[in-house]
Amino acid sequence: MSQGFLYCAFGEPRFLDEAAGAIARLLRHNPGAKVCLATSEALKAYCERTYGHLTLDRIHCIAQPEGADEYFFRTTFYDVSPYDRTIALDADTHVAADLQPLFDLLETFDFAAAPDNVPHPTGTGIRGLQGGYASLGMYNTGVLLFRKSPAARQLFEHWKREVVARENDQKSLLRALVK
């Protein structure tokens, strides 16, 4: 069973610079880890020119659909990841230890995310959720764990529909989780 880390960098080269630094820190604490970078064709060329020394397992190019914002890319992680078990990390995540033990969670769970305890200016209420669901908090989408399974595929498909139709990635993830 394969396992690895997934980073994304889109937009300006400075976002790829940030991801490259994050990948270097990850590899310092997780030597030999497999890393896939999802990016655009333009940034792939920049990455190969500027960061050829980085040990990447794969660079995967994604085209941004017209009208989709940056939140859309997180919803493609399931399809983009070449691994059976994936830890997807934001470029601004600073890895300071061995993360390999987190993969053990995916022996039991199809998907894992940490609660996001940061207060949101728009509040935590999610439009349209009823009953107890209305009081659920957000999840941090900067660190996501998932394994290839029908349940995880379905979650990411629901999430993609929600993020395109409605709100930011955290609110749309929560809405997808309760479907």
Foldseek 3Di string as FASTA:
>chain_A
DFEAEEEEAEDDLVQVVLLLVQLVQLCVAAPPGEYEYEYAPVNVVVCCVPPVVRDHPYYHYDDDPPPADPQLVLLCCLVPDPGQKYKYAYSNDRDDHHPVVVSVVQVPDQKDFAFDPDADPVGQAAPPDDDPLRPDGWTDSRIMIGGDDPVVNQLSVQLNVQCSPHDGSGSSSSVSVVD
